[in-house]
Protein backbone atom coordinates (compact mmCIF):
# COMPACT_ATOMS: atom_id res chain seq x y z
CA MET A 1 3.93 10.40 -7.73
CA ASP A 2 3.72 12.21 -4.66
CA LYS A 3 7.19 12.43 -2.61
CA GLY A 4 5.35 11.54 0.99
CA ILE A 5 3.67 8.83 1.74
CA PHE A 6 0.98 11.47 3.88
CA GLN A 7 0.62 13.11 0.99
CA TYR A 8 -0.66 10.16 -1.27
CA VAL A 9 -2.68 9.30 1.38
CA LEU A 10 -4.61 12.65 1.65
CA ARG A 11 -4.71 13.03 -2.29
CA TYR A 12 -6.36 9.68 -2.99
CA SER A 13 -8.25 9.10 0.39
CA LYS A 14 -9.42 12.71 2.63
CA LYS A 15 -12.88 11.32 2.46
CA GLU A 16 -12.44 7.91 3.89
CA GLN A 17 -9.90 9.33 6.68
CA LEU A 18 -12.08 12.25 7.55
CA PHE A 19 -14.99 9.88 7.72
CA LEU A 20 -13.34 7.53 9.71
CA GLY A 21 -11.93 10.53 12.07
CA ILE A 22 -15.28 11.67 12.93
CA MET A 23 -16.46 8.12 13.44
CA ALA A 24 -13.54 7.69 16.07
CA ALA A 25 -14.89 10.82 18.14
CA ALA A 26 -18.61 9.96 18.03
CA SER A 27 -17.35 7.22 20.08
CA LEU A 28 -15.60 8.33 22.60
CA PRO A 29 -18.55 9.30 24.83
CA PHE A 30 -19.96 6.42 24.86
CA TYR A 31 -16.34 4.82 25.70
CA PHE A 32 -15.97 7.63 29.00
CA ILE A 33 -19.67 6.22 30.17
CA TYR A 34 -18.77 2.49 29.87
CA LEU A 35 -15.07 3.32 31.91
CA ALA A 36 -17.80 5.06 34.78
CA LEU A 37 -20.20 2.60 35.04
CA PRO A 38 -18.16 0.02 37.09
CA LYS A 39 -17.69 2.57 39.48
CA GLN A 40 -21.33 3.75 39.75
CA ILE A 41 -22.19 -0.29 40.53
CA ILE A 42 -20.04 -0.96 43.22
CA ASP A 43 -20.34 2.30 44.72
CA ASP A 44 -24.49 3.23 44.11
CA ALA A 45 -25.81 -0.15 43.70
CA LEU A 46 -23.70 -2.61 45.57
CA GLY A 47 -22.88 -0.09 48.66
CA GLY A 48 -18.82 -0.17 47.74
CA LYS A 49 -17.95 2.85 50.24
CA GLY A 50 -17.19 0.18 52.81
CA GLY A 51 -19.45 -2.31 52.82
CA ASP A 52 -22.07 -0.13 53.57
CA LYS A 53 -25.76 -1.31 52.61
CA ASP A 54 -27.81 1.38 53.99
CA LEU A 55 -27.99 2.99 50.65
CA ALA A 56 -31.49 4.85 50.01
CA PHE A 57 -33.47 3.11 47.70
CA PRO A 58 -35.39 3.81 45.74
CA LYS A 59 -33.63 5.77 43.33
CA ASN A 60 -34.40 7.69 40.34
CA TYR A 61 -32.50 7.17 37.23
CA LEU A 62 -33.49 7.47 33.78
CA GLY A 63 -37.28 8.98 34.96
CA MET A 64 -37.53 5.54 36.33
CA GLU A 65 -37.72 4.65 40.49
CA LEU A 66 -35.56 1.39 40.91
CA GLU A 67 -35.25 -0.55 44.06
CA GLN A 68 -31.60 -2.36 44.63
CA VAL A 69 -31.64 -4.94 42.33
CA PRO A 70 -33.60 -3.19 39.50
CA TYR A 71 -31.24 -0.70 39.40
CA LEU A 72 -28.09 -3.21 40.05
CA LEU A 73 -29.78 -5.03 36.53
CA THR A 74 -30.47 -1.83 34.83
CA LEU A 75 -26.73 -0.82 35.69
CA CYS A 76 -25.64 -4.06 34.74
CA GLY A 77 -27.82 -4.14 31.38
CA LEU A 78 -26.54 -0.86 30.43
CA PHE A 79 -22.69 -1.66 30.95
CA LEU A 80 -23.55 -4.87 28.39
CA LEU A 81 -25.44 -2.58 26.10
CA LEU A 82 -21.97 -0.12 25.92
CA VAL A 83 -19.71 -3.08 25.38
CA PHE A 84 -21.97 -3.73 22.19
CA VAL A 85 -22.06 -0.02 21.17
CA ASN A 86 -18.06 -0.11 21.70
CA GLY A 87 -17.62 -3.24 20.05
CA GLY A 88 -19.94 -1.82 16.76
CA PHE A 89 -17.66 1.18 16.83
CA LYS A 90 -14.69 -0.81 16.43
CA TYR A 91 -15.75 -3.31 14.06
CA PHE A 92 -16.99 -0.78 11.89
CA ILE A 93 -14.22 1.72 12.12
CA ASN A 94 -11.60 -1.74 11.45
CA VAL A 95 -13.43 -3.03 8.29
CA TYR A 96 -13.96 0.78 6.81
CA ARG A 97 -10.24 1.34 7.53
CA GLY A 98 -9.25 -2.25 5.71
CA ALA A 99 -11.58 -1.36 3.12
CA ALA A 100 -9.94 1.82 2.33
CA GLY A 101 -6.35 0.61 2.67
CA GLU A 102 -6.86 -2.47 0.22
CA ARG A 103 -8.18 0.41 -2.01
CA MET A 104 -5.17 2.25 -1.43
CA LEU A 105 -2.62 -0.59 -2.53
CA ARG A 106 -5.04 -1.66 -5.66
CA ARG A 107 -4.05 2.16 -6.30
CA LEU A 108 -0.45 1.96 -5.94
CA ARG A 109 0.06 -1.16 -7.49
CA PHE A 110 -1.66 -0.23 -10.63
CA GLN A 111 0.57 3.03 -10.69
CA LEU A 112 3.39 1.26 -10.63
CA LEU A 113 2.74 -1.46 -13.23
CA GLU A 114 1.72 1.42 -15.35
CA ARG A 115 5.04 3.17 -15.02
CA VAL A 116 6.32 -0.11 -15.63
CA LEU A 117 4.61 -0.21 -19.18
CA ARG A 118 6.30 3.88 -19.92
CA PHE A 119 9.14 2.60 -18.97
CA PRO A 120 11.89 3.04 -22.00
CA LEU A 121 13.29 -0.09 -23.71
CA PRO A 122 17.01 0.53 -21.96
CA GLN A 123 15.34 1.05 -18.76
CA PHE A 124 14.75 -2.77 -18.28
CA ARG A 125 18.18 -3.66 -18.75
CA LYS A 126 18.91 -1.68 -15.25
CA THR A 127 15.86 -3.13 -13.56
CA SER A 128 15.42 -7.30 -13.65
CA GLN A 129 12.01 -8.89 -14.05
CA GLY A 130 12.39 -10.28 -9.84
CA GLU A 131 13.13 -7.02 -8.63
CA VAL A 132 10.23 -5.53 -10.26
CA VAL A 133 7.76 -8.09 -9.17
CA SER A 134 9.16 -8.29 -6.08
CA MET A 135 8.87 -4.71 -5.82
CA VAL A 136 4.90 -4.52 -6.73
CA THR A 137 3.76 -7.24 -4.92
CA LEU A 138 5.52 -8.15 -1.90
CA GLU A 139 6.94 -4.27 -0.85
CA THR A 140 3.95 -3.00 -1.35
CA GLU A 141 2.01 -5.14 0.84
CA PRO A 142 2.75 -3.41 4.61
CA LEU A 143 1.76 -0.16 2.94
CA GLY A 144 -1.64 -1.59 2.36
CA GLY A 145 -2.57 -1.50 6.25
CA PHE A 146 -0.54 1.39 7.15
CA PHE A 147 -2.81 3.41 4.41
CA GLY A 148 -5.91 2.61 6.01
CA GLU A 149 -4.93 3.58 9.43
CA ALA A 150 -2.49 6.93 8.38
CA LEU A 151 -4.70 8.86 10.16
CA SER A 152 -7.73 6.99 11.66
CA LEU A 153 -5.50 5.08 13.67
CA PRO A 154 -3.85 7.67 15.58
CA SER A 155 -7.24 9.60 15.99
CA TYR A 156 -9.29 6.69 17.30
CA GLN A 157 -6.34 4.82 19.64
CA GLY A 158 -4.95 8.70 20.61
CA GLY A 159 -8.56 9.74 21.75
CA THR A 160 -9.08 6.61 23.43
CA LEU A 161 -5.75 6.98 25.54
CA ILE A 162 -6.73 10.33 26.08
CA THR A 163 -10.43 9.30 27.27
CA LEU A 164 -8.75 7.31 29.72
CA MET A 165 -6.32 9.29 30.99
CA VAL A 166 -9.20 12.01 31.83
CA PHE A 167 -11.45 9.53 33.33
CA MET A 168 -8.45 8.72 35.74
CA PHE A 169 -7.44 12.29 36.39
CA VAL A 170 -11.20 12.33 37.37
CA GLN A 171 -11.16 9.80 39.97
CA ASP A 172 -8.37 11.04 41.52
CA TRP A 173 -5.50 13.29 40.24
CA LYS A 174 -2.41 10.92 42.26
CA LEU A 175 -3.63 8.48 40.13
CA GLY A 176 -3.75 10.10 37.25
CA LEU A 177 -0.40 11.17 37.70
CA ALA A 178 0.83 7.45 38.56
CA ALA A 179 -0.91 6.38 34.84
CA ILE A 180 1.34 8.98 32.99
CA ALA A 181 4.12 8.66 34.88
CA LEU A 182 6.27 6.88 32.53
CA TYR A 183 5.34 7.64 29.33
CA PRO A 184 7.80 9.84 28.78
CA VAL A 185 10.67 7.82 29.23
CA GLN A 186 8.87 5.39 27.13
CA GLY A 187 8.58 8.23 24.08
CA TYR A 188 12.05 9.14 24.82
CA LEU A 189 13.05 6.04 24.23
CA ILE A 190 11.27 4.01 21.44
CA PRO A 191 12.10 6.36 18.66
CA LYS A 192 15.41 6.02 19.59
CA LEU A 193 15.13 2.54 19.73
CA GLN A 194 13.23 2.28 16.74
CA LYS A 195 15.46 4.81 14.33
CA LYS A 196 17.80 1.78 14.34
CA VAL A 197 15.55 -0.85 13.48
CA ASN A 198 14.18 1.24 10.80
CA LEU A 199 17.68 1.90 9.11
CA LEU A 200 18.14 -2.27 9.67
CA GLY A 201 14.67 -2.67 7.70
CA LYS A 202 15.90 -0.06 4.75
CA GLU A 203 19.18 -2.44 4.51
CA ARG A 204 17.22 -5.45 4.66
CA VAL A 205 14.79 -4.45 1.76
CA LEU A 206 17.58 -3.45 -0.47
CA THR A 207 19.59 -6.98 0.10
CA VAL A 208 16.76 -8.82 -0.32
CA ARG A 209 15.84 -6.95 -3.89
CA ARG A 210 19.55 -7.38 -4.64
CA LEU A 211 18.88 -11.34 -4.15
CA SER A 212 16.02 -11.45 -6.10
CA GLU A 213 17.69 -9.74 -9.09
CA ARG A 214 20.62 -12.24 -8.32
CA ILE A 215 18.47 -15.48 -8.46
CA GLY A 216 16.74 -14.41 -11.66
CA GLU A 217 20.15 -13.95 -13.21
CA THR A 218 21.04 -17.18 -12.33
CA VAL A 219 17.66 -19.19 -13.22
CA SER A 220 18.16 -17.17 -16.58
CA GLY A 221 21.34 -17.87 -17.29
CA ALA A 222 21.26 -21.91 -15.80
CA HIS A 223 22.90 -23.02 -19.00
CA GLU A 224 25.91 -20.88 -18.29
CA ILE A 225 26.49 -22.08 -15.43
CA HIS A 226 26.43 -25.72 -16.12
CA ALA A 227 28.45 -24.71 -19.43
CA ASN A 228 31.22 -23.72 -17.33
CA ASP A 229 31.40 -25.58 -13.96
CA THR A 230 30.37 -22.51 -11.91
CA SER A 231 27.52 -24.19 -9.70
CA GLN A 232 29.51 -23.73 -6.90
CA TYR A 233 30.80 -20.57 -7.14
CA GLU A 234 26.84 -19.08 -7.74
CA LEU A 235 25.90 -21.17 -4.36
CA ALA A 236 28.53 -19.45 -2.86
CA ASP A 237 27.92 -16.29 -3.71
CA LEU A 238 23.82 -16.72 -2.84
CA SER A 239 24.98 -18.17 1.14
CA ASP A 240 27.03 -15.04 1.11
CA ARG A 241 23.82 -13.22 0.17
CA LEU A 242 21.68 -15.30 2.67
CA GLY A 243 24.51 -14.70 5.27
CA ARG A 244 24.03 -11.09 4.75
CA ILE A 245 19.95 -11.02 5.38
CA TYR A 246 20.34 -13.31 8.51
CA ALA A 247 22.63 -11.07 10.33
CA ILE A 248 20.85 -7.71 9.73
CA ARG A 249 16.94 -10.00 10.64
CA TYR A 250 19.07 -11.19 13.74
CA ALA A 251 20.06 -7.15 14.58
CA ILE A 252 16.56 -6.16 13.82
CA TYR A 253 14.99 -9.15 16.44
CA GLN A 254 17.56 -7.98 19.25
CA LYS A 255 16.62 -4.21 18.59
CA LYS A 256 13.08 -5.19 18.23
CA PHE A 257 12.45 -7.37 21.39
CA PHE A 258 14.43 -5.77 23.48
CA ILE A 259 12.04 -2.51 22.64
CA LYS A 260 9.07 -5.00 23.75
CA PHE A 261 10.85 -6.21 26.80
CA ILE A 262 10.99 -1.99 28.07
CA ASN A 263 7.57 -1.45 27.15
CA ASN A 264 6.01 -4.31 29.02
CA PHE A 265 8.32 -3.97 31.96
CA LEU A 266 7.00 -0.24 31.82
CA ALA A 267 3.65 -1.11 31.45
CA LEU A 268 3.63 -3.54 34.11
CA LEU A 269 5.50 -1.30 36.70
CA THR A 270 2.50 1.14 37.24
CA PRO A 271 0.03 -0.93 38.06
CA PHE A 272 2.68 -1.11 41.80
CA PHE A 273 2.14 2.70 41.90
CA PHE A 274 -1.61 2.14 41.75
CA PHE A 275 -2.03 -0.89 44.49
CA SER A 276 0.41 0.96 46.94
CA ILE A 277 -0.77 4.61 46.29
CA GLY A 278 -4.62 3.91 45.20
CA GLY A 279 -4.44 1.27 48.39
CA LEU A 280 -3.35 3.99 50.70
CA LEU A 281 -5.63 6.69 49.01
CA VAL A 282 -8.90 4.08 49.96
CA ILE A 283 -7.55 3.68 53.28
CA ASN A 284 -7.45 7.05 54.40
CA GLY A 285 -10.93 7.63 53.02
CA ASP A 286 -9.75 10.05 49.66
CA ILE A 287 -11.29 7.74 47.24
CA THR A 288 -13.71 4.75 46.87
CA MET A 289 -12.98 1.18 46.13
CA GLY A 290 -15.32 1.66 43.13
CA ALA A 291 -13.16 4.81 42.07
CA LEU A 292 -9.94 2.26 42.64
CA ILE A 293 -11.38 -0.61 41.02
CA ALA A 294 -12.35 1.60 37.87
CA VAL A 295 -9.16 3.51 37.53
CA LEU A 296 -7.55 -0.47 37.60
CA SER A 297 -10.01 -1.21 35.25
CA ALA A 298 -9.66 1.55 32.75
CA TYR A 299 -5.34 1.31 33.33
CA LYS A 300 -6.12 -2.26 31.92
CA ASP A 301 -7.40 -0.70 28.92
CA VAL A 302 -4.47 1.63 28.36
CA SER A 303 -1.81 -0.82 27.45
CA ALA A 304 -4.05 -1.42 24.17
CA PRO A 305 -4.22 1.96 22.29
CA TRP A 306 -0.77 2.58 23.66
CA LYS A 307 0.60 -0.48 22.74
CA MET A 308 -1.15 0.12 18.91
CA LEU A 309 0.82 3.98 19.40
CA LEU A 310 3.80 3.05 19.49
CA THR A 311 3.41 -0.01 16.89
CA TYR A 312 1.95 2.79 14.83
CA TYR A 313 4.72 4.78 14.99
CA GLN A 314 6.96 1.82 13.71
CA ARG A 315 4.91 1.01 11.48
CA LEU A 316 4.98 5.03 9.74
CA GLU A 317 8.72 4.70 9.90
CA ASP A 318 8.92 1.48 7.68
CA SER A 319 6.77 2.63 5.32
CA LYS A 320 7.98 5.84 5.28
CA ILE A 321 11.39 3.84 4.49
CA LYS A 322 9.48 1.47 1.64
CA TYR A 323 7.35 4.04 -0.18
CA GLN A 324 10.47 6.29 -0.48
CA GLN A 325 12.45 3.31 -2.31
CA LEU A 326 9.42 2.22 -4.07
CA ILE A 327 9.09 6.55 -5.34
CA GLN A 328 12.94 6.35 -6.21
CA LYS A 329 12.74 3.22 -8.14
CA PHE A 330 9.66 3.95 -10.41
CA GLU A 331 10.50 8.05 -11.10
CA ILE A 332 12.87 7.80 -13.89
CA PRO A 333 13.85 10.90 -15.93
CA GLU A 334 13.03 9.61 -19.40
CA LEU A 335 9.35 7.68 -18.34
CA GLN A 336 7.29 8.12 -21.26
CA ASP A 337 4.17 10.79 -21.40
CA GLU A 338 0.92 8.79 -19.97
CA ASN A 339 -0.88 10.79 -22.41
CA ARG A 340 0.69 8.42 -25.46
CA GLN A 341 -0.71 5.17 -23.70
CA LYS A 342 -4.10 7.00 -22.82
CA THR A 343 -5.02 9.14 -26.21
CA ALA A 344 -6.60 7.78 -28.81
CA PRO A 345 -8.56 9.32 -31.81
CA GLU A 346 -11.95 9.16 -33.14
CA GLU A 347 -10.39 7.89 -36.13
CA ILE A 348 -6.83 6.12 -36.81
CA PRO A 349 -5.35 8.03 -39.30
CA THR A 350 -3.06 6.37 -41.93
CA LEU A 351 0.52 6.73 -42.13
CA GLU A 352 0.97 7.59 -45.85
CA GLY A 353 3.58 9.51 -47.58
CA LYS A 354 7.15 9.57 -47.16
CA LEU A 355 8.84 7.72 -43.91
CA THR A 356 11.85 10.39 -43.28
CA ALA A 357 14.36 9.63 -40.33
CA SER A 358 16.73 12.95 -40.25
CA ASN A 359 20.18 12.94 -38.55
CA ILE A 360 19.43 10.12 -36.30
CA SER A 361 21.66 9.52 -33.52
CA TRP A 362 21.48 7.13 -30.71
CA VAL A 363 23.60 6.83 -27.48
CA GLU A 364 23.48 3.82 -25.29
CA ASP A 365 23.55 4.57 -21.62
CA ASP A 366 26.78 3.41 -21.42
CA GLY A 367 28.12 6.57 -23.98
CA LEU A 368 28.49 4.16 -27.17
CA ARG A 369 26.98 5.83 -30.20
CA VAL A 370 25.38 3.16 -32.20
CA LEU A 371 24.07 5.78 -34.59
CA ASP A 372 25.28 8.98 -35.84
CA GLY A 373 23.89 11.28 -38.05
CA ALA A 374 21.94 8.83 -39.82
CA SER A 375 19.54 9.99 -42.65
CA VAL A 376 16.67 8.19 -44.64
CA SER A 377 13.87 8.85 -46.73
CA PHE A 378 11.90 6.05 -48.52
CA ASP A 379 7.59 5.92 -50.01
CA LEU A 380 5.10 4.30 -48.11
CA PRO A 381 4.71 1.37 -48.17
CA SER A 382 7.93 -0.04 -49.42
CA HIS A 383 10.19 -3.32 -49.28
CA ILE A 384 13.53 -1.99 -47.67
CA ALA A 385 16.77 -4.14 -46.18
CA LEU A 386 18.75 -2.58 -43.44
CA VAL A 387 22.06 -4.08 -44.07
CA GLY A 388 25.64 -4.43 -41.94
CA GLY A 389 26.93 -6.22 -39.46
CA PRO A 390 26.85 -7.13 -35.84
CA GLY A 391 26.49 -4.26 -33.66
CA GLY A 392 25.88 -1.62 -36.80
CA GLY A 393 22.89 -0.69 -35.28
CA LYS A 394 19.73 -2.84 -37.81
CA SER A 395 17.90 -3.42 -34.81
CA GLU A 396 18.46 -0.23 -32.97
CA PHE A 397 17.10 1.89 -36.65
CA SER A 398 14.50 -0.63 -36.78
CA GLN A 399 12.98 0.03 -33.31
CA LEU A 400 13.42 3.96 -33.96
CA MET A 401 10.80 3.47 -36.69
CA ALA A 402 8.43 1.51 -34.56
CA ARG A 403 9.43 4.06 -31.64
CA LEU A 404 10.45 1.38 -29.52
CA LEU A 405 12.85 3.33 -29.00
CA GLU A 406 13.56 7.38 -28.87
CA PRO A 407 16.56 9.10 -30.71
CA THR A 408 18.88 10.60 -29.15
CA SER A 409 18.64 13.58 -31.57
CA GLY A 410 17.12 13.92 -34.96
CA ARG A 411 13.53 13.34 -36.11
CA ILE A 412 11.41 10.66 -37.83
CA THR A 413 8.11 11.38 -39.66
CA MET A 414 5.73 9.42 -41.34
CA GLY A 415 3.87 11.49 -44.36
CA GLU A 416 3.36 14.91 -42.59
CA LYS A 417 3.85 13.40 -38.87
CA ASN A 418 5.96 13.34 -36.53
CA VAL A 419 6.41 9.99 -35.01
CA ALA A 420 7.44 11.53 -31.74
CA ASP A 421 4.19 13.21 -30.91
CA LEU A 422 1.40 10.43 -32.20
CA PRO A 423 -0.18 8.33 -29.72
CA GLU A 424 0.26 4.30 -29.29
CA ALA A 425 -3.12 4.27 -30.57
CA VAL A 426 -1.86 5.37 -34.52
CA ILE A 427 1.52 3.70 -33.66
CA GLY A 428 0.58 0.46 -32.46
CA ARG A 429 -2.17 0.40 -34.85
CA GLN A 430 -0.51 1.49 -38.47
CA VAL A 431 3.34 0.13 -37.62
CA SER A 432 3.80 -3.25 -36.83
CA TYR A 433 7.25 -4.78 -35.60
CA VAL A 434 8.55 -8.06 -35.29
CA SER A 435 11.58 -8.88 -33.51
CA GLN A 436 14.11 -11.41 -33.89
CA GLU A 437 13.20 -13.47 -30.66
CA PRO A 438 9.22 -12.06 -30.18
CA TYR A 439 7.83 -12.78 -26.77
CA ILE A 440 5.06 -15.63 -26.38
CA PHE A 441 2.59 -14.44 -23.64
CA SER A 442 0.97 -17.39 -21.45
CA GLY A 443 -2.65 -18.38 -23.56
CA THR A 444 -3.19 -20.18 -26.33
CA ILE A 445 -1.70 -19.95 -29.15
CA ARG A 446 -5.26 -17.95 -30.84
CA ASP A 447 -4.26 -15.48 -28.30
CA ASN A 448 -0.66 -14.88 -29.00
CA LEU A 449 -1.92 -14.60 -32.68
CA LEU A 450 -4.89 -12.23 -32.07
CA TYR A 451 -2.57 -10.32 -29.24
CA GLY A 452 -2.29 -7.24 -32.05
CA LEU A 453 -5.80 -6.37 -32.46
CA LYS A 454 -6.63 -6.18 -28.87
CA HIS A 455 -6.67 -2.03 -28.50
CA ARG A 456 -9.86 -1.41 -27.11
CA PRO A 457 -12.79 -3.10 -26.03
CA LEU A 458 -15.60 -2.90 -28.83
CA ARG A 459 -18.29 -5.01 -27.76
CA ASP A 460 -19.56 -5.57 -24.06
CA ALA A 461 -19.42 -8.86 -22.30
CA GLU A 462 -22.57 -10.65 -22.24
CA TYR A 463 -23.83 -11.12 -18.74
CA SER A 464 -26.87 -12.40 -16.63
CA GLU A 465 -28.91 -10.02 -15.06
CA GLU A 466 -27.45 -11.17 -11.67
CA GLU A 467 -23.74 -10.85 -13.41
CA LYS A 468 -24.85 -7.34 -14.54
CA SER A 469 -24.91 -6.28 -10.96
CA GLU A 470 -22.39 -7.77 -9.66
CA ARG A 471 -19.85 -6.80 -12.62
CA ALA A 472 -20.75 -3.20 -12.67
CA ASP A 473 -20.34 -3.38 -8.92
CA PHE A 474 -16.65 -4.33 -9.49
CA MET A 475 -16.39 -1.98 -12.26
CA SER A 476 -17.40 0.63 -10.05
CA GLU A 477 -14.41 -0.33 -7.66
CA SER A 478 -12.01 -0.31 -9.76
CA VAL A 479 -12.72 2.90 -10.97
CA ASN A 480 -12.72 4.34 -7.64
CA SER A 481 -9.56 2.57 -6.98
CA GLY A 482 -7.82 4.70 -9.83
CA ASN A 483 -7.61 1.41 -11.90
CA SER A 484 -8.77 1.08 -15.87
CA ALA A 485 -12.55 1.58 -16.53
CA TYR A 486 -12.46 -1.74 -19.33
CA ASP A 487 -13.71 -4.33 -18.99
CA ILE A 488 -11.29 -7.29 -19.58
CA GLN A 489 -13.92 -9.74 -20.12
CA ALA A 490 -15.57 -7.55 -22.94
CA ASP A 491 -14.63 -8.27 -26.85
CA TRP A 492 -11.37 -6.79 -27.51
CA ILE A 493 -10.61 -8.24 -31.07
CA ASP A 494 -10.68 -5.67 -33.90
CA LEU A 495 -12.33 -7.53 -36.39
CA SER A 496 -11.40 -4.60 -38.80
CA GLN A 497 -8.05 -4.52 -38.78
CA VAL A 498 -7.93 -7.92 -40.79
CA GLY A 499 -10.92 -7.31 -42.80
CA ALA A 500 -13.13 -10.04 -41.23
CA ASP A 501 -16.50 -9.31 -40.16
CA SER A 502 -17.30 -11.93 -37.46
CA GLN A 503 -15.36 -14.30 -35.53
CA GLU A 504 -15.76 -17.51 -37.26
CA ILE A 505 -14.06 -15.78 -40.25
CA LEU A 506 -11.04 -14.76 -38.41
């Protein structure tokens, strides 16, 4: 997977981000005209220059000769139209951005789950079920919103902010300077404070992840807790972990709301300059009342894109941390080759001849050598018993035969085929493995009995014409999101593996 979050975004949503950028750029001219209309209404239609009513009418506007009232109504109608146009741009951009983000989130979750299925079995001793569930569901959720706005939000909100600044400078450069005077202060202070919040956020994620793992252990080991009267010890441990999370979150709240306090104070300080400096300029006749009102109206809109950009920066830093933490957990050196799961030969070969294990060794992560130079050879099919005491390597050797474990050294062949080179489509259909404690999946007993026959969809599901269209769109979206192209509603049961011709016989 890509190491950086922007690399990931560009790899899988470059077209969507580019389209959103084009839409953002297309909206800016309409927004500029929208900002300029209030000044035109006040100064040209209402006589805003000190209340002068002796304006020259009719006026030629858009090729029409208009008296004062029609001229005013035309400008107001145009203003209303631009409100609708700008709202339409914003609606479309937000919806498209949300869809792009959700599609990326779906892709990320699928990729993480796909990697979980490629973990070697020993990895699950180091990674708890609760930890994996938390990472794939909860920790990825904030990334979905950021994926959609990674490039589109700064381009749209940044473009809006620049348009507002240009408009204010066009009205009067002094008012323009007053509008941006405090931005350098915010630009310097906010990132420094936000960095501390991000570090606390990273610590919080790790602490919650450990709590999730500990809760999973508590539930799984409930019988041991009751048998040894350690419930108070466990509750004290959970209380300590909850206390750490509280302390971290309290520190985050203090710093986060201090940042908001600074932003709000500086944002409300700027109107002071407008009323004082702008008022003097109007009194001296340097600018019109319409220009001042237009600038005040524009500045009212400045806070929204500026806050959005500051929030974006905060989410950017937070998303970088979350993404890197996820990647670190799912990027393991022993990850199995994905082609083992995806590759399926047209005809599944029969594993015949001899099963030969040559000089097999298997060492656990802690260095314990469970098998050391084991060799065996027997004809297929055969009935073989592996006999030995506890910890003698019987289970591990069986799992090596079924390639559930990878030998540390040595080689296993079935006939002329190296087991390490065979795809799961061959091993999973030609080699059966039943452990001492088989896992029962949710569903019916029949579902579990037939589970080993569901390798690939063999027959399409039956849909009505309306359902076919809906399902086609659903599967198309699945493929576009990098998910499975197989329909879970299809018939997956391979009757030929058990010699049956129909479901009734089965």
